[in-house]
Every structure is written in C-alpha cells, then in structure tokens.
Amino acid sequence: MTESPSTTKKAPSRIQQRNRTLILDAALEVFSSQGYRGATLDQIAKQAGLSKPNILYYFNGKEEIHVTLLNQLMTVWLDPLKEMNPNGDPIKELIGYVHRKLDMAIELPRESRLFANEILQGAPRMGPHLSAGLKPLFDKQIIVITRWMESGKIAQSDPAHLLFSIWATTQHYADFAAQTEVLLPDRQAREDGARAFLDQLFTKLLTP
C-alpha cells in the first residue's frame, strides 16, 4: 500500500539542509556570545547571511532554534562520560575522561558556553534532558567510581564532587576563554599546560 501525497513527507533538498546548517551554526555563535535573552532573530539572520523571513521558513522562532541546538548538544555532552569503562584501569579511565572533557572545551567552546548559559538561567529548556539523560548516566558512573574506591584502586573521595571538579576545571577553558586567553596568550602553551596540570592534579588526587 502506497502513501498518499498528503501523508508522504518530502525529504529536505540539499539547499534546505545547507540552510538549516547555516542557521544553526549562526545561532550557536550568537547564543554562545549573547546568551538566550540577548540573542535575536535579526542577529542570527545576519550571522547566517540569510533574511529573517528565510530563518522563519525553517524554524518557528528563536526558541525552536535554541531547543534544536540544545537537543544536539546533549548527545555530544554525554558521550565522554559514557566512554568511561567500568572494567578498565580506574586512574587511566578517569584521566581519559579529563582529557575528553578538556578536548571538548578546546574544540567546542561555543557549545560549552551555550550549555553554561542555559544552566545559569535555571535550565528552562534543558531541564528534561538533565533528568532523563544526564542523571541516570551520572548515577551509573558514580556507582562505578564508588566501587573503585571501595576496592582500593583509587583514593577515597566524594565521587559526585570528583566529577563536578572535573567539569569545573575542564570547562573553565571554554566558558572563561576571554580571561584565560588574555592571561596566557600562547594558545599551544595554554592547552599543553592545562593538560599537564590536570594530569598532575587528578593523578595525585586519585592515587591511593
């Protein structure tokens, strides 16, 4: 049985896909620098090189664009924590997680600031994702870290606050980039120094 024309959803054309990508990339730039409240459709349109009516052809408004970006970001945000192997060497697994979070801060600074801005506003659009996506994964990995501590493989500490401290020390390089780039203008030295320091910090913290 074939679908009638009224029920068949036409796949987006190459131009439509390109324009959606342009809009989302432009919106990421605007939201990450201006925040949700400070961002406007006019700014997004200008950044994308498209007209405002063209933006509204693809999205209902600013909120739909923002929610689309947050939905895409949440998957990326959870992946580094998912990759932590409960059967691996605990110190190597946790240091590897630190590296993945630092790499994300360096390579995806706009995404990190988008996330931070949403959290600072009370997570009005990301709240369900935090409850349904992050919380179960967080609880699962806390159990893994607790077992590592109880077996003496890593030093005792509060596993939840251990993860919070990893987030804080790595995401700092994206969320406070305007500050760190002034204080340490040599990019390569800044990134290498961050990696070496975080290795030293967490290796000492985790070693029994």
N, C-alpha and C. Protein backbone atom coordinates (compact mmCIF):
# COMPACT_ATOMS: atom_id res chain seq x y z
N MET A 1 0.85 -1.20 0.00
CA MET A 1 0.00 0.00 0.00
C MET A 1 0.88 1.24 0.00
N THR A 2 0.66 2.10 -0.98
CA THR A 2 1.48 3.31 -1.07
C THR A 2 0.82 4.44 -0.32
N GLU A 3 1.67 5.37 0.18
CA GLU A 3 1.16 6.52 0.91
C GLU A 3 0.62 7.55 -0.06
N SER A 4 -0.42 8.23 0.33
CA SER A 4 -0.95 9.30 -0.49
C SER A 4 -0.02 10.49 -0.43
N PRO A 5 -0.06 11.39 -1.43
CA PRO A 5 0.81 12.57 -1.43
C PRO A 5 0.68 13.41 -0.18
N SER A 6 -0.52 13.42 0.42
CA SER A 6 -0.75 14.26 1.60
C SER A 6 -0.06 13.72 2.83
N THR A 7 0.25 12.39 2.83
CA THR A 7 0.86 11.79 4.02
C THR A 7 2.35 11.52 3.82
N THR A 8 2.83 11.70 2.61
CA THR A 8 4.24 11.46 2.34
C THR A 8 5.04 12.72 2.65
N LYS A 9 6.04 12.58 3.52
CA LYS A 9 6.87 13.72 3.89
C LYS A 9 8.08 13.77 2.97
N LYS A 10 8.18 14.89 2.25
CA LYS A 10 9.27 15.05 1.30
C LYS A 10 10.58 15.30 2.02
N ALA A 11 11.62 14.60 1.61
CA ALA A 11 12.94 14.80 2.21
C ALA A 11 13.45 16.19 1.86
N PRO A 12 14.14 16.84 2.80
CA PRO A 12 14.67 18.18 2.52
C PRO A 12 15.70 18.14 1.40
N SER A 13 15.69 19.17 0.59
CA SER A 13 16.65 19.26 -0.51
C SER A 13 18.04 19.59 0.04
N ARG A 14 19.03 19.51 -0.82
CA ARG A 14 20.40 19.83 -0.41
C ARG A 14 20.51 21.30 0.03
N ILE A 15 19.79 22.18 -0.65
CA ILE A 15 19.82 23.60 -0.29
C ILE A 15 19.14 23.81 1.07
N GLN A 16 18.04 23.11 1.29
CA GLN A 16 17.36 23.22 2.58
C GLN A 16 18.24 22.71 3.71
N GLN A 17 18.92 21.61 3.48
CA GLN A 17 19.83 21.07 4.50
C GLN A 17 20.97 22.05 4.77
N ARG A 18 21.49 22.63 3.68
CA ARG A 18 22.58 23.60 3.83
C ARG A 18 22.12 24.81 4.62
N ASN A 19 20.93 25.31 4.32
CA ASN A 19 20.42 26.50 5.01
C ASN A 19 20.15 26.23 6.48
N ARG A 20 19.62 25.06 6.79
CA ARG A 20 19.40 24.70 8.20
C ARG A 20 20.73 24.65 8.95
N THR A 21 21.74 24.08 8.31
CA THR A 21 23.07 24.02 8.93
C THR A 21 23.64 25.42 9.13
N LEU A 22 23.47 26.29 8.13
CA LEU A 22 23.92 27.68 8.24
C LEU A 22 23.24 28.38 9.41
N ILE A 23 21.93 28.19 9.51
CA ILE A 23 21.16 28.85 10.57
C ILE A 23 21.60 28.36 11.94
N LEU A 24 21.75 27.05 12.10
CA LEU A 24 22.12 26.50 13.41
C LEU A 24 23.54 26.92 13.80
N ASP A 25 24.45 26.95 12.84
CA ASP A 25 25.82 27.39 13.15
C ASP A 25 25.84 28.86 13.53
N ALA A 26 25.07 29.66 12.80
CA ALA A 26 24.98 31.10 13.12
C ALA A 26 24.35 31.30 14.50
N ALA A 27 23.31 30.54 14.78
CA ALA A 27 22.62 30.66 16.07
C ALA A 27 23.54 30.24 17.21
N LEU A 28 24.34 29.21 16.99
CA LEU A 28 25.30 28.79 18.01
C LEU A 28 26.26 29.91 18.34
N GLU A 29 26.74 30.61 17.32
CA GLU A 29 27.65 31.74 17.52
C GLU A 29 26.96 32.85 18.31
N VAL A 30 25.74 33.16 17.94
CA VAL A 30 25.01 34.26 18.60
C VAL A 30 24.62 33.88 20.02
N PHE A 31 24.05 32.70 20.22
CA PHE A 31 23.62 32.29 21.56
C PHE A 31 24.81 32.16 22.51
N SER A 32 25.94 31.65 22.01
CA SER A 32 27.10 31.43 22.89
C SER A 32 27.74 32.75 23.31
N SER A 33 27.55 33.80 22.51
CA SER A 33 28.15 35.09 22.86
C SER A 33 27.16 36.04 23.52
N GLN A 34 25.89 35.95 23.14
CA GLN A 34 24.88 36.89 23.65
C GLN A 34 23.96 36.29 24.71
N GLY A 35 23.97 34.96 24.82
CA GLY A 35 23.00 34.32 25.71
C GLY A 35 21.64 34.26 25.05
N TYR A 36 20.73 33.47 25.61
CA TYR A 36 19.41 33.33 25.00
C TYR A 36 18.65 34.65 24.99
N ARG A 37 18.66 35.33 26.11
CA ARG A 37 17.88 36.57 26.21
C ARG A 37 18.43 37.68 25.32
N GLY A 38 19.74 37.72 25.18
CA GLY A 38 20.34 38.78 24.37
C GLY A 38 20.33 38.51 22.88
N ALA A 39 20.10 37.26 22.49
CA ALA A 39 20.11 36.89 21.07
C ALA A 39 18.79 37.28 20.40
N THR A 40 18.87 37.66 19.13
CA THR A 40 17.67 38.00 18.36
C THR A 40 17.72 37.26 17.02
N LEU A 41 16.56 37.12 16.40
CA LEU A 41 16.49 36.51 15.08
C LEU A 41 17.24 37.35 14.05
N ASP A 42 17.20 38.67 14.22
CA ASP A 42 17.93 39.55 13.30
C ASP A 42 19.43 39.27 13.37
N GLN A 43 19.96 39.07 14.57
CA GLN A 43 21.38 38.76 14.72
C GLN A 43 21.71 37.42 14.08
N ILE A 44 20.84 36.43 14.28
CA ILE A 44 21.07 35.11 13.70
C ILE A 44 21.02 35.18 12.18
N ALA A 45 20.05 35.92 11.66
CA ALA A 45 19.93 36.07 10.20
C ALA A 45 21.17 36.73 9.62
N LYS A 46 21.64 37.79 10.26
CA LYS A 46 22.83 38.49 9.78
C LYS A 46 24.05 37.57 9.82
N GLN A 47 24.21 36.83 10.91
CA GLN A 47 25.34 35.91 11.03
C GLN A 47 25.28 34.81 9.97
N ALA A 48 24.07 34.36 9.64
CA ALA A 48 23.90 33.29 8.65
C ALA A 48 23.96 33.80 7.22
N GLY A 49 23.82 35.12 7.04
CA GLY A 49 23.78 35.66 5.70
C GLY A 49 22.47 35.38 4.99
N LEU A 50 21.40 35.25 5.79
CA LEU A 50 20.07 34.98 5.26
C LEU A 50 19.11 36.05 5.76
N SER A 51 17.94 36.14 5.14
CA SER A 51 16.93 37.09 5.61
C SER A 51 16.17 36.52 6.79
N LYS A 52 15.57 37.40 7.58
CA LYS A 52 14.77 36.94 8.73
C LYS A 52 13.61 36.06 8.27
N PRO A 53 12.86 36.42 7.21
CA PRO A 53 11.80 35.53 6.73
C PRO A 53 12.33 34.15 6.33
N ASN A 54 13.56 34.11 5.81
CA ASN A 54 14.16 32.83 5.47
C ASN A 54 14.41 31.99 6.71
N ILE A 55 14.84 32.63 7.78
CA ILE A 55 15.03 31.92 9.05
C ILE A 55 13.70 31.32 9.51
N LEU A 56 12.63 32.11 9.41
CA LEU A 56 11.31 31.67 9.89
C LEU A 56 10.68 30.62 8.98
N TYR A 57 11.22 30.45 7.79
CA TYR A 57 10.76 29.36 6.92
C TYR A 57 11.19 28.01 7.49
N TYR A 58 12.35 27.98 8.14
CA TYR A 58 12.90 26.74 8.66
C TYR A 58 12.58 26.50 10.14
N PHE A 59 12.41 27.57 10.90
CA PHE A 59 12.16 27.44 12.33
C PHE A 59 11.04 28.41 12.75
N ASN A 60 10.27 28.00 13.75
CA ASN A 60 9.15 28.82 14.20
C ASN A 60 9.60 30.09 14.91
N GLY A 61 10.80 30.08 15.44
CA GLY A 61 11.28 31.26 16.14
C GLY A 61 12.56 30.95 16.89
N LYS A 62 12.98 31.90 17.69
CA LYS A 62 14.25 31.79 18.42
C LYS A 62 14.27 30.58 19.34
N GLU A 63 13.17 30.33 20.02
CA GLU A 63 13.16 29.23 20.98
C GLU A 63 13.33 27.88 20.29
N GLU A 64 12.70 27.67 19.15
CA GLU A 64 12.85 26.39 18.46
C GLU A 64 14.29 26.17 18.01
N ILE A 65 14.93 27.24 17.55
CA ILE A 65 16.34 27.12 17.16
C ILE A 65 17.19 26.75 18.37
N HIS A 66 16.94 27.42 19.48
CA HIS A 66 17.71 27.17 20.70
C HIS A 66 17.52 25.74 21.20
N VAL A 67 16.28 25.28 21.21
CA VAL A 67 15.99 23.92 21.66
C VAL A 67 16.63 22.89 20.74
N THR A 68 16.62 23.16 19.43
CA THR A 68 17.27 22.25 18.48
C THR A 68 18.76 22.12 18.78
N LEU A 69 19.41 23.24 19.04
CA LEU A 69 20.84 23.22 19.38
C LEU A 69 21.08 22.46 20.68
N LEU A 70 20.25 22.69 21.68
CA LEU A 70 20.42 22.01 22.97
C LEU A 70 20.22 20.50 22.82
N ASN A 71 19.24 20.10 22.00
CA ASN A 71 19.00 18.67 21.77
C ASN A 71 20.22 18.02 21.14
N GLN A 72 20.82 18.70 20.17
CA GLN A 72 22.02 18.17 19.53
C GLN A 72 23.19 18.12 20.51
N LEU A 73 23.28 19.14 21.33
CA LEU A 73 24.41 19.25 22.27
C LEU A 73 24.37 18.17 23.33
N MET A 74 23.19 17.79 23.79
CA MET A 74 23.10 16.87 24.92
C MET A 74 23.74 15.53 24.59
N THR A 75 23.56 15.05 23.37
CA THR A 75 24.18 13.78 22.97
C THR A 75 25.70 13.89 23.03
N VAL A 76 26.22 14.99 22.48
CA VAL A 76 27.67 15.22 22.49
C VAL A 76 28.18 15.33 23.91
N TRP A 77 27.39 16.00 24.76
CA TRP A 77 27.80 16.27 26.13
C TRP A 77 27.93 14.99 26.96
N LEU A 78 27.08 14.01 26.68
CA LEU A 78 27.07 12.78 27.48
C LEU A 78 28.11 11.77 27.03
N ASP A 79 28.53 11.85 25.78
CA ASP A 79 29.42 10.83 25.23
C ASP A 79 30.71 10.62 26.03
N PRO A 80 31.43 11.69 26.45
CA PRO A 80 32.68 11.45 27.19
C PRO A 80 32.49 10.65 28.47
N LEU A 81 31.38 10.87 29.16
CA LEU A 81 31.12 10.13 30.40
C LEU A 81 30.70 8.69 30.10
N LYS A 82 29.98 8.50 28.99
CA LYS A 82 29.57 7.15 28.59
C LYS A 82 30.78 6.27 28.28
N GLU A 83 31.85 6.90 27.79
CA GLU A 83 33.03 6.15 27.35
C GLU A 83 33.87 5.62 28.51
N MET A 84 33.56 6.02 29.73
CA MET A 84 34.34 5.55 30.88
C MET A 84 34.03 4.07 31.11
N ASN A 85 35.05 3.23 30.99
CA ASN A 85 34.89 1.77 31.03
C ASN A 85 35.00 1.25 32.46
N PRO A 86 33.94 0.64 33.00
CA PRO A 86 33.99 0.14 34.39
C PRO A 86 35.00 -0.98 34.59
N ASN A 87 35.42 -1.61 33.49
CA ASN A 87 36.37 -2.73 33.58
C ASN A 87 37.82 -2.30 33.27
N GLY A 88 38.01 -1.01 33.01
CA GLY A 88 39.34 -0.53 32.71
C GLY A 88 40.12 -0.16 33.96
N ASP A 89 41.36 0.28 33.76
CA ASP A 89 42.16 0.75 34.88
C ASP A 89 41.56 2.06 35.39
N PRO A 90 41.16 2.14 36.67
CA PRO A 90 40.40 3.30 37.16
C PRO A 90 41.09 4.65 36.95
N ILE A 91 42.38 4.73 37.27
CA ILE A 91 43.07 6.01 37.10
C ILE A 91 43.14 6.39 35.63
N LYS A 92 43.46 5.43 34.77
CA LYS A 92 43.52 5.70 33.33
C LYS A 92 42.15 6.11 32.79
N GLU A 93 41.11 5.47 33.27
CA GLU A 93 39.76 5.79 32.80
C GLU A 93 39.36 7.21 33.21
N LEU A 94 39.66 7.58 34.44
CA LEU A 94 39.29 8.92 34.91
C LEU A 94 40.16 10.00 34.27
N ILE A 95 41.45 9.74 34.11
CA ILE A 95 42.31 10.71 33.43
C ILE A 95 41.89 10.83 31.96
N GLY A 96 41.50 9.71 31.36
CA GLY A 96 41.00 9.75 30.00
C GLY A 96 39.75 10.60 29.89
N TYR A 97 38.89 10.51 30.91
CA TYR A 97 37.68 11.34 30.93
C TYR A 97 38.05 12.82 31.04
N VAL A 98 39.03 13.13 31.87
CA VAL A 98 39.52 14.51 31.99
C VAL A 98 39.99 15.01 30.62
N HIS A 99 40.74 14.17 29.92
CA HIS A 99 41.26 14.55 28.59
C HIS A 99 40.12 14.81 27.61
N ARG A 100 39.11 13.94 27.63
CA ARG A 100 37.99 14.10 26.69
C ARG A 100 37.22 15.39 26.99
N LYS A 101 37.06 15.70 28.26
CA LYS A 101 36.35 16.93 28.63
C LYS A 101 37.17 18.17 28.26
N LEU A 102 38.48 18.10 28.44
CA LEU A 102 39.33 19.22 28.07
C LEU A 102 39.35 19.40 26.56
N ASP A 103 39.43 18.29 25.82
CA ASP A 103 39.39 18.37 24.36
C ASP A 103 38.08 19.00 23.89
N MET A 104 37.00 18.65 24.55
CA MET A 104 35.70 19.22 24.18
C MET A 104 35.68 20.73 24.43
N ALA A 105 36.26 21.15 25.56
CA ALA A 105 36.31 22.59 25.87
C ALA A 105 37.14 23.34 24.84
N ILE A 106 38.22 22.73 24.38
CA ILE A 106 39.10 23.36 23.40
C ILE A 106 38.47 23.37 22.00
N GLU A 107 37.87 22.26 21.63
CA GLU A 107 37.35 22.10 20.27
C GLU A 107 35.93 22.62 20.09
N LEU A 108 35.14 22.64 21.17
CA LEU A 108 33.74 23.05 21.09
C LEU A 108 33.41 24.13 22.13
N PRO A 109 34.15 25.24 22.12
CA PRO A 109 33.92 26.26 23.15
C PRO A 109 32.54 26.90 23.07
N ARG A 110 32.01 27.07 21.86
CA ARG A 110 30.69 27.70 21.73
C ARG A 110 29.61 26.81 22.34
N GLU A 111 29.73 25.50 22.11
CA GLU A 111 28.77 24.56 22.67
C GLU A 111 28.82 24.58 24.20
N SER A 112 30.04 24.66 24.74
CA SER A 112 30.20 24.71 26.20
C SER A 112 29.54 25.96 26.77
N ARG A 113 29.72 27.09 26.10
CA ARG A 113 29.12 28.34 26.59
C ARG A 113 27.60 28.32 26.44
N LEU A 114 27.11 27.69 25.37
CA LEU A 114 25.67 27.54 25.20
C LEU A 114 25.08 26.76 26.38
N PHE A 115 25.74 25.66 26.74
CA PHE A 115 25.30 24.84 27.86
C PHE A 115 25.36 25.63 29.16
N ALA A 116 26.47 26.33 29.37
CA ALA A 116 26.64 27.10 30.61
C ALA A 116 25.58 28.19 30.74
N ASN A 117 25.28 28.88 29.64
CA ASN A 117 24.26 29.93 29.68
C ASN A 117 22.89 29.36 30.02
N GLU A 118 22.59 28.19 29.47
CA GLU A 118 21.30 27.55 29.77
C GLU A 118 21.21 27.17 31.25
N ILE A 119 22.28 26.62 31.80
CA ILE A 119 22.29 26.23 33.21
C ILE A 119 22.17 27.46 34.11
N LEU A 120 22.86 28.54 33.77
CA LEU A 120 22.80 29.77 34.57
C LEU A 120 21.40 30.36 34.62
N GLN A 121 20.60 30.09 33.60
CA GLN A 121 19.22 30.57 33.58
C GLN A 121 18.26 29.63 34.30
N GLY A 122 18.80 28.53 34.86
CA GLY A 122 17.95 27.58 35.56
C GLY A 122 17.52 26.41 34.69
N ALA A 123 18.14 26.24 33.55
CA ALA A 123 17.87 25.13 32.61
C ALA A 123 16.40 25.06 32.21
N PRO A 124 15.76 26.18 31.80
CA PRO A 124 14.34 26.14 31.46
C PRO A 124 14.02 25.26 30.26
N ARG A 125 14.96 25.12 29.33
CA ARG A 125 14.71 24.30 28.15
C ARG A 125 15.44 22.97 28.19
N MET A 126 16.47 22.84 29.02
CA MET A 126 17.25 21.62 29.07
C MET A 126 16.91 20.76 30.29
N GLY A 127 16.07 21.26 31.18
CA GLY A 127 15.75 20.52 32.39
C GLY A 127 15.37 19.07 32.16
N PRO A 128 14.45 18.76 31.21
CA PRO A 128 14.08 17.36 30.98
C PRO A 128 15.26 16.50 30.55
N HIS A 129 16.18 17.07 29.77
CA HIS A 129 17.36 16.31 29.34
C HIS A 129 18.27 15.99 30.53
N LEU A 130 18.39 16.93 31.45
CA LEU A 130 19.23 16.69 32.63
C LEU A 130 18.66 15.55 33.46
N SER A 131 17.33 15.53 33.59
CA SER A 131 16.68 14.50 34.40
C SER A 131 16.67 13.14 33.70
N ALA A 132 16.36 13.14 32.40
CA ALA A 132 16.20 11.88 31.68
C ALA A 132 17.49 11.35 31.09
N GLY A 133 18.44 12.23 30.78
CA GLY A 133 19.68 11.81 30.13
C GLY A 133 20.87 11.80 31.05
N LEU A 134 21.19 12.96 31.64
CA LEU A 134 22.40 13.08 32.45
C LEU A 134 22.28 12.35 33.79
N LYS A 135 21.15 12.50 34.48
CA LYS A 135 21.03 11.95 35.84
C LYS A 135 21.23 10.44 35.89
N PRO A 136 20.57 9.63 35.03
CA PRO A 136 20.80 8.18 35.08
C PRO A 136 22.24 7.80 34.78
N LEU A 137 22.86 8.48 33.81
CA LEU A 137 24.26 8.19 33.47
C LEU A 137 25.18 8.60 34.61
N PHE A 138 24.93 9.76 35.19
CA PHE A 138 25.71 10.24 36.34
C PHE A 138 25.63 9.22 37.48
N ASP A 139 24.43 8.77 37.82
CA ASP A 139 24.25 7.81 38.92
C ASP A 139 24.96 6.50 38.62
N LYS A 140 24.89 6.06 37.37
CA LYS A 140 25.55 4.81 36.98
C LYS A 140 27.06 4.90 37.15
N GLN A 141 27.65 6.01 36.72
CA GLN A 141 29.11 6.15 36.81
C GLN A 141 29.57 6.43 38.24
N ILE A 142 28.70 7.04 39.04
CA ILE A 142 29.03 7.23 40.46
C ILE A 142 29.17 5.87 41.14
N ILE A 143 28.31 4.93 40.77
CA ILE A 143 28.40 3.57 41.33
C ILE A 143 29.73 2.94 40.94
N VAL A 144 30.13 3.11 39.69
CA VAL A 144 31.41 2.56 39.21
C VAL A 144 32.58 3.16 40.00
N ILE A 145 32.59 4.48 40.13
CA ILE A 145 33.69 5.16 40.84
C ILE A 145 33.71 4.74 42.31
N THR A 146 32.53 4.61 42.91
CA THR A 146 32.45 4.19 44.32
C THR A 146 33.05 2.79 44.49
N ARG A 147 32.77 1.89 43.58
CA ARG A 147 33.33 0.53 43.65
C ARG A 147 34.85 0.57 43.53
N TRP A 148 35.35 1.41 42.64
CA TRP A 148 36.80 1.55 42.50
C TRP A 148 37.42 2.03 43.82
N MET A 149 36.75 2.96 44.46
CA MET A 149 37.25 3.48 45.74
C MET A 149 37.19 2.42 46.83
N GLU A 150 36.08 1.71 46.88
CA GLU A 150 35.91 0.69 47.93
C GLU A 150 36.89 -0.47 47.77
N SER A 151 37.30 -0.74 46.53
CA SER A 151 38.27 -1.82 46.29
C SER A 151 39.70 -1.35 46.45
N GLY A 152 39.90 -0.06 46.75
CA GLY A 152 41.24 0.48 46.97
C GLY A 152 42.00 0.80 45.70
N LYS A 153 41.33 0.80 44.56
CA LYS A 153 42.02 1.07 43.29
C LYS A 153 42.29 2.55 43.09
N ILE A 154 41.48 3.40 43.70
CA ILE A 154 41.72 4.85 43.69
C ILE A 154 41.46 5.37 45.09
N ALA A 155 41.99 6.54 45.38
CA ALA A 155 41.85 7.12 46.72
C ALA A 155 40.40 7.48 47.01
N GLN A 156 40.05 7.43 48.29
CA GLN A 156 38.70 7.77 48.72
C GLN A 156 38.46 9.27 48.59
N SER A 157 37.31 9.61 48.02
CA SER A 157 36.83 10.99 47.98
C SER A 157 35.34 10.92 47.69
N ASP A 158 34.71 12.05 47.55
CA ASP A 158 33.29 12.06 47.20
C ASP A 158 33.19 11.94 45.69
N PRO A 159 32.64 10.83 45.16
CA PRO A 159 32.65 10.61 43.71
C PRO A 159 31.84 11.65 42.92
N ALA A 160 30.75 12.13 43.50
CA ALA A 160 29.95 13.15 42.80
C ALA A 160 30.74 14.44 42.66
N HIS A 161 31.37 14.85 43.73
CA HIS A 161 32.14 16.10 43.69
C HIS A 161 33.44 15.93 42.89
N LEU A 162 33.91 14.70 42.77
CA LEU A 162 35.04 14.44 41.89
C LEU A 162 34.65 14.77 40.45
N LEU A 163 33.47 14.30 40.01
CA LEU A 163 33.01 14.61 38.66
C LEU A 163 32.74 16.10 38.50
N PHE A 164 32.15 16.72 39.52
CA PHE A 164 31.91 18.17 39.45
C PHE A 164 33.22 18.93 39.25
N SER A 165 34.27 18.49 39.95
CA SER A 165 35.56 19.18 39.86
C SER A 165 36.18 18.99 38.48
N ILE A 166 35.97 17.82 37.87
CA ILE A 166 36.46 17.59 36.51
C ILE A 166 35.75 18.52 35.54
N TRP A 167 34.44 18.65 35.70
CA TRP A 167 33.68 19.55 34.83
C TRP A 167 34.17 20.99 35.00
N ALA A 168 34.34 21.39 36.24
CA ALA A 168 34.72 22.78 36.52
C ALA A 168 36.09 23.12 35.95
N THR A 169 37.06 22.23 36.14
CA THR A 169 38.43 22.54 35.72
C THR A 169 38.64 22.44 34.22
N THR A 170 37.85 21.62 33.54
CA THR A 170 37.99 21.50 32.09
C THR A 170 37.14 22.53 31.36
N GLN A 171 35.89 22.69 31.72
CA GLN A 171 35.00 23.62 31.04
C GLN A 171 35.41 25.07 31.24
N HIS A 172 36.20 25.32 32.26
CA HIS A 172 36.71 26.67 32.50
C HIS A 172 37.41 27.23 31.27
N TYR A 173 38.12 26.37 30.53
CA TYR A 173 38.91 26.84 29.39
C TYR A 173 38.03 27.25 28.21
N ALA A 174 36.76 26.86 28.23
CA ALA A 174 35.81 27.33 27.22
C ALA A 174 34.98 28.49 27.76
N ASP A 175 34.42 28.29 28.94
CA ASP A 175 33.47 29.27 29.49
C ASP A 175 34.16 30.58 29.88
N PHE A 176 35.44 30.51 30.26
CA PHE A 176 36.20 31.71 30.64
C PHE A 176 37.35 31.96 29.68
N ALA A 177 37.13 31.59 28.42
CA ALA A 177 38.19 31.74 27.43
C ALA A 177 38.67 33.18 27.29
N ALA A 178 37.75 34.13 27.39
CA ALA A 178 38.13 35.54 27.25
C ALA A 178 39.16 35.93 28.30
N GLN A 179 39.12 35.30 29.45
CA GLN A 179 40.07 35.59 30.53
C GLN A 179 41.37 34.81 30.34
N THR A 180 41.25 33.50 30.11
CA THR A 180 42.47 32.68 30.00
C THR A 180 43.31 33.07 28.79
N GLU A 181 42.66 33.51 27.71
CA GLU A 181 43.39 33.90 26.51
C GLU A 181 44.18 35.20 26.70
N VAL A 182 43.68 36.07 27.57
CA VAL A 182 44.43 37.29 27.89
C VAL A 182 45.60 36.96 28.81
N LEU A 183 45.35 36.13 29.80
CA LEU A 183 46.38 35.81 30.79
C LEU A 183 47.47 34.89 30.22
N LEU A 184 47.07 33.98 29.32
CA LEU A 184 48.02 33.06 28.69
C LEU A 184 47.79 33.11 27.17
N PRO A 185 48.33 34.11 26.49
CA PRO A 185 48.02 34.32 25.07
C PRO A 185 48.55 33.26 24.10
N ASP A 186 49.58 32.52 24.50
CA ASP A 186 50.12 31.48 23.63
C ASP A 186 49.19 30.26 23.69
N ARG A 187 48.43 30.04 22.63
CA ARG A 187 47.41 29.00 22.64
C ARG A 187 47.98 27.62 22.90
N GLN A 188 49.05 27.26 22.20
CA GLN A 188 49.60 25.92 22.36
C GLN A 188 50.12 25.71 23.77
N ALA A 189 50.81 26.71 24.29
CA ALA A 189 51.33 26.61 25.66
C ALA A 189 50.18 26.52 26.66
N ARG A 190 49.11 27.27 26.41
CA ARG A 190 47.95 27.25 27.31
C ARG A 190 47.30 25.86 27.33
N GLU A 191 47.12 25.28 26.15
CA GLU A 191 46.47 23.98 26.07
C GLU A 191 47.36 22.87 26.62
N ASP A 192 48.64 22.92 26.28
CA ASP A 192 49.58 21.91 26.80
C ASP A 192 49.70 22.03 28.31
N GLY A 193 49.75 23.27 28.80
CA GLY A 193 49.86 23.49 30.24
C GLY A 193 48.63 23.01 30.98
N ALA A 194 47.46 23.23 30.40
CA ALA A 194 46.23 22.76 31.02
C ALA A 194 46.22 21.24 31.13
N ARG A 195 46.60 20.58 30.06
CA ARG A 195 46.60 19.12 30.07
C ARG A 195 47.60 18.58 31.11
N ALA A 196 48.80 19.15 31.13
CA ALA A 196 49.82 18.67 32.07
C ALA A 196 49.40 18.91 33.51
N PHE A 197 48.83 20.09 33.77
CA PHE A 197 48.43 20.40 35.14
C PHE A 197 47.28 19.51 35.60
N LEU A 198 46.28 19.31 34.74
CA LEU A 198 45.15 18.48 35.12
C LEU A 198 45.56 17.02 35.30
N ASP A 199 46.48 16.57 34.48
CA ASP A 199 47.03 15.22 34.68
C ASP A 199 47.65 15.09 36.07
N GLN A 200 48.48 16.07 36.42
CA GLN A 200 49.16 16.05 37.72
C GLN A 200 48.15 16.14 38.86
N LEU A 201 47.21 17.07 38.73
CA LEU A 201 46.20 17.29 39.78
C LEU A 201 45.40 16.04 40.06
N PHE A 202 44.82 15.46 39.01
CA PHE A 202 43.91 14.33 39.24
C PHE A 202 44.65 13.02 39.48
N THR A 203 45.85 12.87 38.92
CA THR A 203 46.63 11.67 39.23
C THR A 203 46.99 11.63 40.71
N LYS A 204 47.41 12.77 41.26
CA LYS A 204 47.73 12.83 42.69
C LYS A 204 46.48 12.62 43.54
N LEU A 205 45.36 13.19 43.11
CA LEU A 205 44.12 13.04 43.86
C LEU A 205 43.63 11.61 43.88
N LEU A 206 43.80 10.91 42.77
CA LEU A 206 43.23 9.58 42.62
C LEU A 206 44.14 8.45 43.12
N THR A 207 45.44 8.69 43.16
CA THR A 207 46.37 7.63 43.56
C THR A 207 46.19 7.28 45.04
N PRO A 208 45.96 5.99 45.34
CA PRO A 208 45.75 5.59 46.76
C PRO A 208 46.96 5.83 47.62
